[in-house]
Amino acid sequence: MNTATRVMIIEDDIAIAELQHKYLSQLSGLEVVGIATTRMEAELQLEVLKPDLLLMDVYLPDGTGLEILNTLRANNQTCDVILITAARDVDTLQQAMRGGVVDYLLKPVMFPRLEVALQKYISQRQQLNVAESLDQNLVDKMLQSNVASDTSSQRLPKGIDGVTLDKIRGLFVGEEMYTADDAGEQIGASRTTARRYLEYLISSGELEAD
């Protein structure tokens, strides 16, 4: 049984934070465990809640998300970070990359883009949880997933969308088995759509039909 990813939202605008909370509540595999609107609130909650993932703004009334990120790393807290910010300067992005953020989304964020980031994170986490050892293919998926996705998206046949394809892939972490009906229900698509994607993954050798 998969454990839900525990998410904390750090955003100075409470209306935006609540909107993100409402959106995340519609996605499977996620549980919002806290909301903070200041750096002080965030650091107090982080000590107690110990979330798996932060959705974090950079600009806060009493500090920055980058300062929170640096504190996390200095304290060796095992918490991943997706930055959602209006900061468009290169220096902020470079600091975020050095801090090991798993994604960097620019405001105003499009929720389909946020969903892709979250699904990618969940999928990677699940793959690492079931992996007994590393091979280069798995390492490439973890560290070069954006490059891999861009390359594969350019080569996808007509009628196959990269976002939907990643959703289907995410169903088959571990030893799971799904019919076209079940897969369609899981991702909110029709049986015909799910079958098309399953057939593509079978033809590409990623899945086997039973």
C-alpha atoms as a PDB file:
ATOM      1  CA  MET A   1       0.000   0.000   0.000  1.00  0.00           C
ATOM      2  CA  ASN A   2       1.453   3.362  -1.060  1.00  0.00           C
ATOM      3  CA  THR A   3       1.769   6.058   1.595  1.00  0.00           C
ATOM      4  CA  ALA A   4       0.532   9.513   0.629  1.00  0.00           C
ATOM      5  CA  THR A   5       3.151  12.198   0.080  1.00  0.00           C
ATOM      6  CA  ARG A   6       2.858  14.707   2.934  1.00  0.00           C
ATOM      7  CA  VAL A   7       2.918  18.232   1.501  1.00  0.00           C
ATOM      8  CA  MET A   8       3.329  21.589   3.227  1.00  0.00           C
ATOM      9  CA  ILE A   9       2.486  24.870   1.482  1.00  0.00           C
ATOM     10  CA  ILE A  10       4.534  27.988   2.239  1.00  0.00           C
ATOM     11  CA  GLU A  11       2.961  31.016   0.548  1.00  0.00           C
ATOM     12  CA  ASP A  12       2.574  34.597   1.823  1.00  0.00           C
ATOM     13  CA  ASP A  13      -0.790  35.081   0.077  1.00  0.00           C
ATOM     14  CA  ILE A  14      -3.282  32.975   2.051  1.00  0.00           C
ATOM     15  CA  ALA A  15      -5.796  33.031  -0.831  1.00  0.00           C
ATOM     16  CA  ILE A  16      -3.218  31.476  -3.167  1.00  0.00           C
ATOM     17  CA  ALA A  17      -2.230  28.985  -0.477  1.00  0.00           C
ATOM     18  CA  GLU A  18      -5.849  27.910  -0.032  1.00  0.00           C
ATOM     19  CA  LEU A  19      -6.272  27.609  -3.794  1.00  0.00           C
ATOM     20  CA  GLN A  20      -3.208  25.355  -3.990  1.00  0.00           C
ATOM     21  CA  HIS A  21      -4.581  23.328  -1.073  1.00  0.00           C
ATOM     22  CA  LYS A  22      -7.919  22.893  -2.843  1.00  0.00           C
ATOM     23  CA  TYR A  23      -6.194  21.815  -6.057  1.00  0.00           C
ATOM     24  CA  LEU A  24      -3.895  19.324  -4.310  1.00  0.00           C
ATOM     25  CA  SER A  25      -6.856  17.770  -2.483  1.00  0.00           C
ATOM     26  CA  GLN A  26      -8.173  16.657  -5.876  1.00  0.00           C
ATOM     27  CA  LEU A  27      -4.980  14.728  -6.691  1.00  0.00           C
ATOM     28  CA  SER A  28      -4.416  11.197  -5.457  1.00  0.00           C
ATOM     29  CA  GLY A  29      -1.309  10.327  -3.478  1.00  0.00           C
ATOM     30  CA  LEU A  30      -1.005  13.730  -1.759  1.00  0.00           C
ATOM     31  CA  GLU A  31      -1.927  14.979   1.718  1.00  0.00           C
ATOM     32  CA  VAL A  32      -1.574  18.653   2.684  1.00  0.00           C
ATOM     33  CA  VAL A  33      -0.400  18.661   6.312  1.00  0.00           C
ATOM     34  CA  GLY A  34       0.195  22.379   6.851  1.00  0.00           C
ATOM     35  CA  ILE A  35       0.080  25.926   5.483  1.00  0.00           C
ATOM     36  CA  ALA A  36       2.437  28.734   6.522  1.00  0.00           C
ATOM     37  CA  THR A  37       2.445  32.372   5.375  1.00  0.00           C
ATOM     38  CA  THR A  38       5.710  33.526   6.992  1.00  0.00           C
ATOM     39  CA  ARG A  39       9.208  32.173   7.446  1.00  0.00           C
ATOM     40  CA  MET A  40       8.735  31.939  11.225  1.00  0.00           C
ATOM     41  CA  GLU A  41       5.498  29.962  10.877  1.00  0.00           C
ATOM     42  CA  ALA A  42       7.124  27.702   8.301  1.00  0.00           C
ATOM     43  CA  GLU A  43      10.176  26.848  10.393  1.00  0.00           C
ATOM     44  CA  LEU A  44       8.056  26.152  13.496  1.00  0.00           C
ATOM     45  CA  GLN A  45       5.747  23.847  11.527  1.00  0.00           C
ATOM     46  CA  LEU A  46       8.611  22.102   9.759  1.00  0.00           C
ATOM     47  CA  GLU A  47      10.083  20.962  13.083  1.00  0.00           C
ATOM     48  CA  VAL A  48       6.796  19.346  14.076  1.00  0.00           C
ATOM     49  CA  LEU A  49       5.193  18.196  10.815  1.00  0.00           C
ATOM     50  CA  LYS A  50       8.296  16.948   8.974  1.00  0.00           C
ATOM     51  CA  PRO A  51       6.632  16.920   5.508  1.00  0.00           C
ATOM     52  CA  ASP A  52       7.986  15.014   2.520  1.00  0.00           C
ATOM     53  CA  LEU A  53       7.567  17.916   0.118  1.00  0.00           C
ATOM     54  CA  LEU A  54       7.320  21.712   0.294  1.00  0.00           C
ATOM     55  CA  LEU A  55       5.492  23.895  -2.215  1.00  0.00           C
ATOM     56  CA  MET A  56       7.281  27.115  -1.365  1.00  0.00           C
ATOM     57  CA  ASP A  57       7.267  30.758  -2.403  1.00  0.00           C
ATOM     58  CA  VAL A  58      10.527  32.711  -2.416  1.00  0.00           C
ATOM     59  CA  TYR A  59       9.280  36.061  -1.122  1.00  0.00           C
ATOM     60  CA  LEU A  60       7.885  36.011   2.437  1.00  0.00           C
ATOM     61  CA  PRO A  61       7.151  38.918   4.815  1.00  0.00           C
ATOM     62  CA  ASP A  62       9.969  38.025   7.224  1.00  0.00           C
ATOM     63  CA  GLY A  63      12.492  36.319   4.977  1.00  0.00           C
ATOM     64  CA  THR A  64      12.783  34.173   1.874  1.00  0.00           C
ATOM     65  CA  GLY A  65      12.107  30.636   0.832  1.00  0.00           C
ATOM     66  CA  LEU A  66      15.783  30.308  -0.075  1.00  0.00           C
ATOM     67  CA  GLU A  67      16.690  30.974   3.575  1.00  0.00           C
ATOM     68  CA  ILE A  68      14.298  28.194   4.608  1.00  0.00           C
ATOM     69  CA  LEU A  69      15.876  25.936   1.975  1.00  0.00           C
ATOM     70  CA  ASN A  70      19.377  26.673   3.296  1.00  0.00           C
ATOM     71  CA  THR A  71      18.239  25.933   6.868  1.00  0.00           C
ATOM     72  CA  LEU A  72      16.745  22.607   5.756  1.00  0.00           C
ATOM     73  CA  ARG A  73      19.981  21.572   4.106  1.00  0.00           C
ATOM     74  CA  ALA A  74      22.144  22.782   7.008  1.00  0.00           C
ATOM     75  CA  ASN A  75      20.049  20.703   9.419  1.00  0.00           C
ATOM     76  CA  ASN A  76      20.063  17.679   7.088  1.00  0.00           C
ATOM     77  CA  GLN A  77      16.264  17.601   7.032  1.00  0.00           C
ATOM     78  CA  THR A  78      15.022  15.142   4.431  1.00  0.00           C
ATOM     79  CA  CYS A  79      12.425  17.347   2.770  1.00  0.00           C
ATOM     80  CA  ASP A  80      12.131  17.972  -0.950  1.00  0.00           C
ATOM     81  CA  VAL A  81      11.184  21.382  -2.348  1.00  0.00           C
ATOM     82  CA  ILE A  82       9.255  22.693  -5.342  1.00  0.00           C
ATOM     83  CA  LEU A  83       9.577  26.468  -5.615  1.00  0.00           C
ATOM     84  CA  ILE A  84       6.569  28.423  -6.908  1.00  0.00           C
ATOM     85  CA  THR A  85       7.659  32.003  -7.288  1.00  0.00           C
ATOM     86  CA  ALA A  86       7.561  35.275  -9.187  1.00  0.00           C
ATOM     87  CA  ALA A  87      11.377  35.462  -8.982  1.00  0.00           C
ATOM     88  CA  ARG A  88      12.640  35.496 -12.552  1.00  0.00           C
ATOM     89  CA  ASP A  89      16.288  36.381 -11.942  1.00  0.00           C
ATOM     90  CA  VAL A  90      18.988  33.885 -12.791  1.00  0.00           C
ATOM     91  CA  ASP A  91      20.666  34.168  -9.376  1.00  0.00           C
ATOM     92  CA  THR A  92      17.556  32.924  -7.552  1.00  0.00           C
ATOM     93  CA  LEU A  93      17.279  29.963  -9.906  1.00  0.00           C
ATOM     94  CA  GLN A  94      20.967  29.126  -9.420  1.00  0.00           C
ATOM     95  CA  GLN A  95      20.621  29.265  -5.622  1.00  0.00           C
ATOM     96  CA  ALA A  96      17.556  27.049  -5.852  1.00  0.00           C
ATOM     97  CA  MET A  97      19.422  24.521  -7.989  1.00  0.00           C
ATOM     98  CA  ARG A  98      22.349  24.483  -5.566  1.00  0.00           C
ATOM     99  CA  GLY A  99      19.847  23.801  -2.785  1.00  0.00           C
ATOM    100  CA  GLY A 100      18.536  20.784  -4.661  1.00  0.00           C
ATOM    101  CA  VAL A 101      14.977  21.852  -5.500  1.00  0.00           C
ATOM    102  CA  VAL A 102      13.128  19.248  -7.533  1.00  0.00           C
ATOM    103  CA  ASP A 103      11.302  21.833  -9.664  1.00  0.00           C
ATOM    104  CA  TYR A 104      10.974  25.608 -10.148  1.00  0.00           C
ATOM    105  CA  LEU A 105       7.622  27.016 -11.278  1.00  0.00           C
ATOM    106  CA  LEU A 106       7.069  30.643 -12.247  1.00  0.00           C
ATOM    107  CA  LYS A 107       3.967  32.550 -11.166  1.00  0.00           C
ATOM    108  CA  PRO A 108       1.288  32.719 -12.266  1.00  0.00           C
ATOM    109  CA  VAL A 109       1.588  28.949 -12.187  1.00  0.00           C
ATOM    110  CA  MET A 110      -0.594  26.902 -14.517  1.00  0.00           C
ATOM    111  CA  PHE A 111      -2.134  24.041 -12.553  1.00  0.00           C
ATOM    112  CA  PRO A 112      -1.540  21.460 -15.317  1.00  0.00           C
ATOM    113  CA  ARG A 113       2.185  22.315 -15.052  1.00  0.00           C
ATOM    114  CA  LEU A 114       2.018  21.957 -11.265  1.00  0.00           C
ATOM    115  CA  GLU A 115       0.304  18.591 -11.654  1.00  0.00           C
ATOM    116  CA  VAL A 116       3.086  17.397 -13.971  1.00  0.00           C
ATOM    117  CA  ALA A 117       5.688  18.429 -11.372  1.00  0.00           C
ATOM    118  CA  LEU A 118       3.816  16.646  -8.579  1.00  0.00           C
ATOM    119  CA  GLN A 119       3.161  13.472 -10.575  1.00  0.00           C
ATOM    120  CA  LYS A 120       6.804  13.335 -11.630  1.00  0.00           C
ATOM    121  CA  TYR A 121       7.898  13.724  -8.019  1.00  0.00           C
ATOM    122  CA  ILE A 122       5.505  11.014  -6.785  1.00  0.00           C
ATOM    123  CA  SER A 123       6.584   8.647  -9.551  1.00  0.00           C
ATOM    124  CA  GLN A 124      10.288   9.153  -8.802  1.00  0.00           C
ATOM    125  CA  ARG A 125       9.708   8.673  -5.077  1.00  0.00           C
ATOM    126  CA  GLN A 126       7.818   5.438  -5.671  1.00  0.00           C
ATOM    127  CA  GLN A 127      10.514   4.117  -8.004  1.00  0.00           C
ATOM    128  CA  LEU A 128      13.229   4.815  -5.428  1.00  0.00           C
ATOM    129  CA  ASN A 129      11.160   3.175  -2.673  1.00  0.00           C
ATOM    130  CA  VAL A 130      10.903  -0.114  -4.565  1.00  0.00           C
ATOM    131  CA  ALA A 131      14.402  -0.099  -6.091  1.00  0.00           C
ATOM    132  CA  GLU A 132      16.824  -2.564  -4.514  1.00  0.00           C
ATOM    133  CA  SER A 133      19.859  -1.105  -6.267  1.00  0.00           C
ATOM    134  CA  LEU A 134      20.735   1.523  -8.844  1.00  0.00           C
ATOM    135  CA  ASP A 135      21.429   1.108 -12.520  1.00  0.00           C
ATOM    136  CA  GLN A 136      22.287   3.891 -14.961  1.00  0.00           C
ATOM    137  CA  ASN A 137      18.803   3.916 -16.450  1.00  0.00           C
ATOM    138  CA  LEU A 138      17.242   4.631 -13.035  1.00  0.00           C
ATOM    139  CA  VAL A 139      19.857   7.290 -12.258  1.00  0.00           C
ATOM    140  CA  ASP A 140      19.129   8.993 -15.580  1.00  0.00           C
ATOM    141  CA  LYS A 141      15.393   8.979 -14.805  1.00  0.00           C
ATOM    142  CA  MET A 142      16.026  10.618 -11.426  1.00  0.00           C
ATOM    143  CA  LEU A 143      18.568  13.247 -12.492  1.00  0.00           C
ATOM    144  CA  GLN A 144      17.803  13.895 -16.147  1.00  0.00           C
ATOM    145  CA  SER A 145      14.024  13.408 -16.228  1.00  0.00           C
ATOM    146  CA  ASN A 146      13.349  16.782 -17.846  1.00  0.00           C
ATOM    147  CA  VAL A 147      15.774  16.061 -20.681  1.00  0.00           C
ATOM    148  CA  ALA A 148      14.340  12.594 -21.139  1.00  0.00           C
ATOM    149  CA  SER A 149      10.787  13.925 -21.184  1.00  0.00           C
ATOM    150  CA  ASP A 150      11.610  16.626 -23.708  1.00  0.00           C
ATOM    151  CA  THR A 151      13.317  14.118 -25.989  1.00  0.00           C
ATOM    152  CA  SER A 152      10.527  11.570 -25.793  1.00  0.00           C
ATOM    153  CA  SER A 153       7.826  14.224 -26.254  1.00  0.00           C
ATOM    154  CA  GLN A 154       9.351  15.180 -29.605  1.00  0.00           C
ATOM    155  CA  ARG A 155       9.141  11.571 -30.766  1.00  0.00           C
ATOM    156  CA  LEU A 156       5.678  10.667 -29.517  1.00  0.00           C
ATOM    157  CA  PRO A 157       3.259   9.523 -32.206  1.00  0.00           C
ATOM    158  CA  LYS A 158       0.083  11.407 -33.032  1.00  0.00           C
ATOM    159  CA  GLY A 159      -2.595  10.933 -30.388  1.00  0.00           C
ATOM    160  CA  ILE A 160      -0.124  10.299 -27.551  1.00  0.00           C
ATOM    161  CA  ASP A 161       0.280  13.178 -25.095  1.00  0.00           C
ATOM    162  CA  GLY A 162       3.339  13.290 -22.838  1.00  0.00           C
ATOM    163  CA  VAL A 163       1.451  14.353 -19.697  1.00  0.00           C
ATOM    164  CA  THR A 164      -1.162  11.597 -20.021  1.00  0.00           C
ATOM    165  CA  LEU A 165       1.567   9.102 -20.870  1.00  0.00           C
ATOM    166  CA  ASP A 166       3.405   9.947 -17.636  1.00  0.00           C
ATOM    167  CA  LYS A 167       0.177   9.442 -15.675  1.00  0.00           C
ATOM    168  CA  ILE A 168      -0.215   5.974 -17.183  1.00  0.00           C
ATOM    169  CA  ARG A 169       3.445   5.167 -16.478  1.00  0.00           C
ATOM    170  CA  GLY A 170       2.961   6.228 -12.873  1.00  0.00           C
ATOM    171  CA  LEU A 171       0.314   3.536 -12.385  1.00  0.00           C
ATOM    172  CA  PHE A 172       2.783   0.745 -13.054  1.00  0.00           C
ATOM    173  CA  VAL A 173       5.362   1.399 -10.344  1.00  0.00           C
ATOM    174  CA  GLY A 174       6.280  -1.913  -8.723  1.00  0.00           C
ATOM    175  CA  GLU A 175       4.208  -4.946  -9.731  1.00  0.00           C
ATOM    176  CA  GLU A 176       0.818  -3.330 -10.357  1.00  0.00           C
ATOM    177  CA  MET A 177      -1.517  -4.663 -13.057  1.00  0.00           C
ATOM    178  CA  TYR A 178      -4.392  -2.742 -14.655  1.00  0.00           C
ATOM    179  CA  THR A 179      -6.982  -3.367 -17.322  1.00  0.00           C
ATOM    180  CA  ALA A 180      -7.770  -0.547 -19.751  1.00  0.00           C
ATOM    181  CA  ASP A 181     -10.959   0.132 -17.773  1.00  0.00           C
ATOM    182  CA  ASP A 182      -9.076   0.350 -14.474  1.00  0.00           C
ATOM    183  CA  ALA A 183      -6.291   2.512 -15.904  1.00  0.00           C
ATOM    184  CA  GLY A 184      -8.786   4.912 -17.457  1.00  0.00           C
ATOM    185  CA  GLU A 185     -10.644   5.238 -14.177  1.00  0.00           C
ATOM    186  CA  GLN A 186      -7.413   5.930 -12.282  1.00  0.00           C
ATOM    187  CA  ILE A 187      -6.339   8.832 -14.534  1.00  0.00           C
ATOM    188  CA  GLY A 188      -9.815  10.152 -15.311  1.00  0.00           C
ATOM    189  CA  ALA A 189      -9.883   9.090 -18.964  1.00  0.00           C
ATOM    190  CA  SER A 190     -12.033   6.814 -21.094  1.00  0.00           C
ATOM    191  CA  ARG A 191     -11.290   3.118 -21.606  1.00  0.00           C
ATOM    192  CA  THR A 192     -10.491   3.812 -25.275  1.00  0.00           C
ATOM    193  CA  THR A 193      -7.947   6.499 -24.366  1.00  0.00           C
ATOM    194  CA  ALA A 194      -6.320   4.339 -21.709  1.00  0.00           C
ATOM    195  CA  ARG A 195      -6.136   1.390 -24.100  1.00  0.00           C
ATOM    196  CA  ARG A 196      -4.371   3.545 -26.715  1.00  0.00           C
ATOM    197  CA  TYR A 197      -1.698   4.550 -24.219  1.00  0.00           C
ATOM    198  CA  LEU A 198      -1.324   1.020 -22.871  1.00  0.00           C
ATOM    199  CA  GLU A 199      -0.859  -0.312 -26.397  1.00  0.00           C
ATOM    200  CA  TYR A 200       1.798   2.325 -27.040  1.00  0.00           C
ATOM    201  CA  LEU A 201       3.708   1.341 -23.869  1.00  0.00           C
ATOM    202  CA  ILE A 202       3.435  -2.332 -24.813  1.00  0.00           C
ATOM    203  CA  SER A 203       4.726  -1.632 -28.338  1.00  0.00           C
ATOM    204  CA  SER A 204       7.653   0.367 -26.908  1.00  0.00           C
ATOM    205  CA  GLY A 205       8.575  -2.493 -24.558  1.00  0.00           C
ATOM    206  CA  GLU A 206       7.834  -0.586 -21.320  1.00  0.00           C
ATOM    207  CA  LEU A 207       4.909  -2.832 -20.403  1.00  0.00           C
ATOM    208  CA  GLU A 208       3.909  -6.436 -21.045  1.00  0.00           C
ATOM    209  CA  ALA A 209       0.379  -7.638 -21.749  1.00  0.00           C
ATOM    210  CA  ASP A 210      -0.947 -10.525 -19.691  1.00  0.00           C
END
